[in-house]
């Protein structure tokens, strides 16, 4: 009986983790939830942010920040691409909203340097022990 309880608990915890979504398979977030950096620019680069699939945090949009500015709200398995001038960028993510969405921990951030013509990708994911996080990805 004890082994069955342990196995069930492990399955429940494993089911809470999110799974990476390759950028090519992620849906583009609707234009009304992508708020900035959508115009082509001379000498620009691009940053794409893709959100994992999975149950943990799935009832809330992940708000994406660039240098502290709210630039998008993305759902699970969605992506948003931003056209940016070269330079230092801080990509942040947080669950925001009412109810349990607003009870999330603080925003998490990752720093990057973007060069002219460069394309970079970041993954937003949730885990039961670390909450929401944002990291570079090569998927």
C-alpha atoms as a PDB file:
ATOM      1  CA  UNK A   1       0.000   0.000   0.000  1.00  0.00           C
ATOM      2  CA  UNK A   2       2.799   2.398   0.903  1.00  0.00           C
ATOM      3  CA  UNK A   3       4.544   1.780  -2.451  1.00  0.00           C
ATOM      4  CA  UNK A   4       1.312   2.584  -4.263  1.00  0.00           C
ATOM      5  CA  UNK A   5       0.970   5.896  -2.397  1.00  0.00           C
ATOM      6  CA  UNK A   6       4.573   6.855  -3.182  1.00  0.00           C
ATOM      7  CA  UNK A   7       4.153   5.970  -6.853  1.00  0.00           C
ATOM      8  CA  UNK A   8       0.929   7.988  -7.048  1.00  0.00           C
ATOM      9  CA  UNK A   9       2.584  11.003  -5.391  1.00  0.00           C
ATOM     10  CA  UNK A  10       5.491  10.860  -7.848  1.00  0.00           C
ATOM     11  CA  UNK A  11       3.108  10.706 -10.812  1.00  0.00           C
ATOM     12  CA  UNK A  12       1.161  13.702  -9.507  1.00  0.00           C
ATOM     13  CA  UNK A  13       4.337  15.743  -9.034  1.00  0.00           C
ATOM     14  CA  UNK A  14       5.667  14.772 -12.462  1.00  0.00           C
ATOM     15  CA  UNK A  15       2.359  15.824 -13.981  1.00  0.00           C
ATOM     16  CA  UNK A  16       2.765  19.299 -12.483  1.00  0.00           C
ATOM     17  CA  UNK A  17       6.002  20.096 -14.304  1.00  0.00           C
ATOM     18  CA  UNK A  18       5.739  21.802 -17.661  1.00  0.00           C
ATOM     19  CA  UNK A  19       7.223  20.501 -20.913  1.00  0.00           C
ATOM     20  CA  UNK A  20       9.250  22.457 -23.479  1.00  0.00           C
ATOM     21  CA  UNK A  21       7.534  23.394 -26.737  1.00  0.00           C
ATOM     22  CA  UNK A  22       9.742  23.782 -29.825  1.00  0.00           C
ATOM     23  CA  UNK A  23       9.408  27.269 -31.302  1.00  0.00           C
ATOM     24  CA  UNK A  24       8.294  25.822 -34.645  1.00  0.00           C
ATOM     25  CA  UNK A  25       5.361  24.065 -32.935  1.00  0.00           C
ATOM     26  CA  UNK A  26       4.289  26.927 -30.646  1.00  0.00           C
ATOM     27  CA  UNK A  27       1.274  29.024 -31.651  1.00  0.00           C
ATOM     28  CA  UNK A  28       1.808  32.746 -32.104  1.00  0.00           C
ATOM     29  CA  UNK A  29       0.091  34.768 -29.397  1.00  0.00           C
ATOM     30  CA  UNK A  30      -2.820  36.845 -30.760  1.00  0.00           C
ATOM     31  CA  UNK A  31      -1.900  40.404 -31.765  1.00  0.00           C
ATOM     32  CA  UNK A  32      -4.108  41.897 -29.027  1.00  0.00           C
ATOM     33  CA  UNK A  33      -1.863  40.277 -26.381  1.00  0.00           C
ATOM     34  CA  UNK A  34       1.464  41.310 -27.971  1.00  0.00           C
ATOM     35  CA  UNK A  35       1.805  44.921 -26.925  1.00  0.00           C
ATOM     36  CA  UNK A  36       5.152  46.254 -28.196  1.00  0.00           C
ATOM     37  CA  UNK A  37       8.213  45.866 -30.438  1.00  0.00           C
ATOM     38  CA  UNK A  38       6.415  44.570 -33.513  1.00  0.00           C
ATOM     39  CA  UNK A  39       7.671  47.028 -36.158  1.00  0.00           C
ATOM     40  CA  UNK A  40      10.582  46.143 -38.414  1.00  0.00           C
ATOM     41  CA  UNK A  41      13.645  48.270 -37.734  1.00  0.00           C
ATOM     42  CA  UNK A  42      16.948  48.802 -39.504  1.00  0.00           C
ATOM     43  CA  UNK A  43      19.819  46.971 -37.769  1.00  0.00           C
ATOM     44  CA  UNK A  44      17.447  45.110 -35.446  1.00  0.00           C
ATOM     45  CA  UNK A  45      17.593  41.675 -33.875  1.00  0.00           C
ATOM     46  CA  UNK A  46      14.807  39.409 -32.622  1.00  0.00           C
ATOM     47  CA  UNK A  47      13.953  37.732 -29.347  1.00  0.00           C
ATOM     48  CA  UNK A  48      11.281  35.023 -29.274  1.00  0.00           C
ATOM     49  CA  UNK A  49       9.731  33.926 -25.992  1.00  0.00           C
ATOM     50  CA  UNK A  50       7.869  30.606 -25.923  1.00  0.00           C
ATOM     51  CA  UNK A  51       5.858  29.227 -23.009  1.00  0.00           C
ATOM     52  CA  UNK A  52       5.910  25.551 -22.068  1.00  0.00           C
ATOM     53  CA  UNK A  53       2.910  23.246 -22.190  1.00  0.00           C
ATOM     54  CA  UNK A  54       1.575  21.687 -19.017  1.00  0.00           C
ATOM     55  CA  UNK A  55      -0.910  22.086 -16.220  1.00  0.00           C
ATOM     56  CA  UNK A  56       1.098  24.142 -13.703  1.00  0.00           C
ATOM     57  CA  UNK A  57       0.102  27.805 -14.097  1.00  0.00           C
ATOM     58  CA  UNK A  58      -2.020  27.001 -17.164  1.00  0.00           C
ATOM     59  CA  UNK A  59      -5.017  28.976 -15.912  1.00  0.00           C
ATOM     60  CA  UNK A  60      -3.051  32.253 -16.094  1.00  0.00           C
ATOM     61  CA  UNK A  61      -1.327  34.195 -18.828  1.00  0.00           C
ATOM     62  CA  UNK A  62       2.403  34.731 -18.358  1.00  0.00           C
ATOM     63  CA  UNK A  63       3.166  38.430 -18.654  1.00  0.00           C
ATOM     64  CA  UNK A  64       6.413  39.013 -20.559  1.00  0.00           C
ATOM     65  CA  UNK A  65       8.597  42.025 -19.767  1.00  0.00           C
ATOM     66  CA  UNK A  66      11.480  43.587 -21.707  1.00  0.00           C
ATOM     67  CA  UNK A  67      13.620  45.934 -19.611  1.00  0.00           C
ATOM     68  CA  UNK A  68      10.733  46.178 -17.138  1.00  0.00           C
ATOM     69  CA  UNK A  69       8.063  47.072 -19.724  1.00  0.00           C
ATOM     70  CA  UNK A  70       5.028  44.786 -20.140  1.00  0.00           C
ATOM     71  CA  UNK A  71       5.200  43.641 -23.765  1.00  0.00           C
ATOM     72  CA  UNK A  72       2.979  40.531 -24.028  1.00  0.00           C
ATOM     73  CA  UNK A  73       0.701  38.078 -22.283  1.00  0.00           C
ATOM     74  CA  UNK A  74       1.175  34.516 -23.491  1.00  0.00           C
ATOM     75  CA  UNK A  75      -0.719  31.322 -22.782  1.00  0.00           C
ATOM     76  CA  UNK A  76       0.741  27.814 -22.619  1.00  0.00           C
ATOM     77  CA  UNK A  77       2.214  26.624 -25.932  1.00  0.00           C
ATOM     78  CA  UNK A  78       2.268  30.177 -27.303  1.00  0.00           C
ATOM     79  CA  UNK A  79       5.153  32.366 -28.464  1.00  0.00           C
ATOM     80  CA  UNK A  80       5.783  36.039 -29.101  1.00  0.00           C
ATOM     81  CA  UNK A  81       8.612  37.512 -31.177  1.00  0.00           C
ATOM     82  CA  UNK A  82       9.957  41.007 -30.532  1.00  0.00           C
ATOM     83  CA  UNK A  83      11.968  43.124 -32.996  1.00  0.00           C
ATOM     84  CA  UNK A  84      14.562  44.982 -30.958  1.00  0.00           C
ATOM     85  CA  UNK A  85      17.517  47.302 -31.412  1.00  0.00           C
ATOM     86  CA  UNK A  86      20.901  45.832 -30.471  1.00  0.00           C
ATOM     87  CA  UNK A  87      21.917  46.187 -26.838  1.00  0.00           C
ATOM     88  CA  UNK A  88      21.390  44.862 -23.345  1.00  0.00           C
ATOM     89  CA  UNK A  89      17.962  43.362 -22.637  1.00  0.00           C
ATOM     90  CA  UNK A  90      16.368  41.896 -19.532  1.00  0.00           C
ATOM     91  CA  UNK A  91      13.603  39.391 -20.310  1.00  0.00           C
ATOM     92  CA  UNK A  92      11.162  38.883 -17.449  1.00  0.00           C
ATOM     93  CA  UNK A  93       8.101  36.742 -16.813  1.00  0.00           C
ATOM     94  CA  UNK A  94       5.406  36.680 -14.136  1.00  0.00           C
ATOM     95  CA  UNK A  95       1.921  35.312 -13.656  1.00  0.00           C
ATOM     96  CA  UNK A  96      -0.366  38.302 -13.158  1.00  0.00           C
ATOM     97  CA  UNK A  97      -4.067  38.753 -12.740  1.00  0.00           C
ATOM     98  CA  UNK A  98      -6.827  38.110 -10.252  1.00  0.00           C
ATOM     99  CA  UNK A  99      -7.311  35.202  -7.877  1.00  0.00           C
ATOM    100  CA  UNK A 100      -4.533  32.636  -7.795  1.00  0.00           C
ATOM    101  CA  UNK A 101      -2.815  34.265 -10.789  1.00  0.00           C
ATOM    102  CA  UNK A 102      -2.049  37.346  -8.695  1.00  0.00           C
ATOM    103  CA  UNK A 103      -0.716  35.249  -5.813  1.00  0.00           C
ATOM    104  CA  UNK A 104       2.355  34.181  -7.783  1.00  0.00           C
ATOM    105  CA  UNK A 105       5.879  34.890  -6.643  1.00  0.00           C
ATOM    106  CA  UNK A 106       7.773  37.884  -7.961  1.00  0.00           C
ATOM    107  CA  UNK A 107       8.891  38.300 -11.569  1.00  0.00           C
ATOM    108  CA  UNK A 108      11.854  36.236 -12.752  1.00  0.00           C
ATOM    109  CA  UNK A 109      14.354  37.646 -15.221  1.00  0.00           C
ATOM    110  CA  UNK A 110      17.223  36.713 -17.512  1.00  0.00           C
ATOM    111  CA  UNK A 111      19.757  39.090 -19.045  1.00  0.00           C
ATOM    112  CA  UNK A 112      21.031  38.975 -22.617  1.00  0.00           C
ATOM    113  CA  UNK A 113      22.961  41.037 -25.151  1.00  0.00           C
ATOM    114  CA  UNK A 114      21.397  41.257 -28.604  1.00  0.00           C
ATOM    115  CA  UNK A 115      23.535  42.036 -31.657  1.00  0.00           C
ATOM    116  CA  UNK A 116      22.412  43.356 -35.043  1.00  0.00           C
ATOM    117  CA  UNK A 117      20.681  40.585 -37.029  1.00  0.00           C
ATOM    118  CA  UNK A 118      20.864  38.139 -34.117  1.00  0.00           C
ATOM    119  CA  UNK A 119      17.922  35.906 -33.203  1.00  0.00           C
ATOM    120  CA  UNK A 120      17.611  34.603 -29.635  1.00  0.00           C
ATOM    121  CA  UNK A 121      15.014  32.388 -27.981  1.00  0.00           C
ATOM    122  CA  UNK A 122      13.826  32.113 -24.384  1.00  0.00           C
ATOM    123  CA  UNK A 123      11.611  29.586 -22.635  1.00  0.00           C
ATOM    124  CA  UNK A 124       9.090  30.427 -19.894  1.00  0.00           C
ATOM    125  CA  UNK A 125       8.326  27.439 -17.695  1.00  0.00           C
ATOM    126  CA  UNK A 126       6.887  26.434 -14.322  1.00  0.00           C
ATOM    127  CA  UNK A 127       8.050  23.848 -11.840  1.00  0.00           C
ATOM    128  CA  UNK A 128       6.540  22.833  -8.504  1.00  0.00           C
ATOM    129  CA  UNK A 129       9.681  23.744  -6.567  1.00  0.00           C
ATOM    130  CA  UNK A 130      10.864  26.902  -8.375  1.00  0.00           C
ATOM    131  CA  UNK A 131       7.701  28.636  -9.645  1.00  0.00           C
ATOM    132  CA  UNK A 132       7.832  30.524 -12.952  1.00  0.00           C
ATOM    133  CA  UNK A 133      11.220  30.981 -14.634  1.00  0.00           C
ATOM    134  CA  UNK A 134      12.685  32.273 -17.912  1.00  0.00           C
ATOM    135  CA  UNK A 135      15.827  30.823 -19.512  1.00  0.00           C
ATOM    136  CA  UNK A 136      17.545  30.773 -22.915  1.00  0.00           C
ATOM    137  CA  UNK A 137      16.571  27.832 -25.136  1.00  0.00           C
ATOM    138  CA  UNK A 138      17.816  26.228 -28.332  1.00  0.00           C
ATOM    139  CA  UNK A 139      14.600  24.298 -29.098  1.00  0.00           C
END
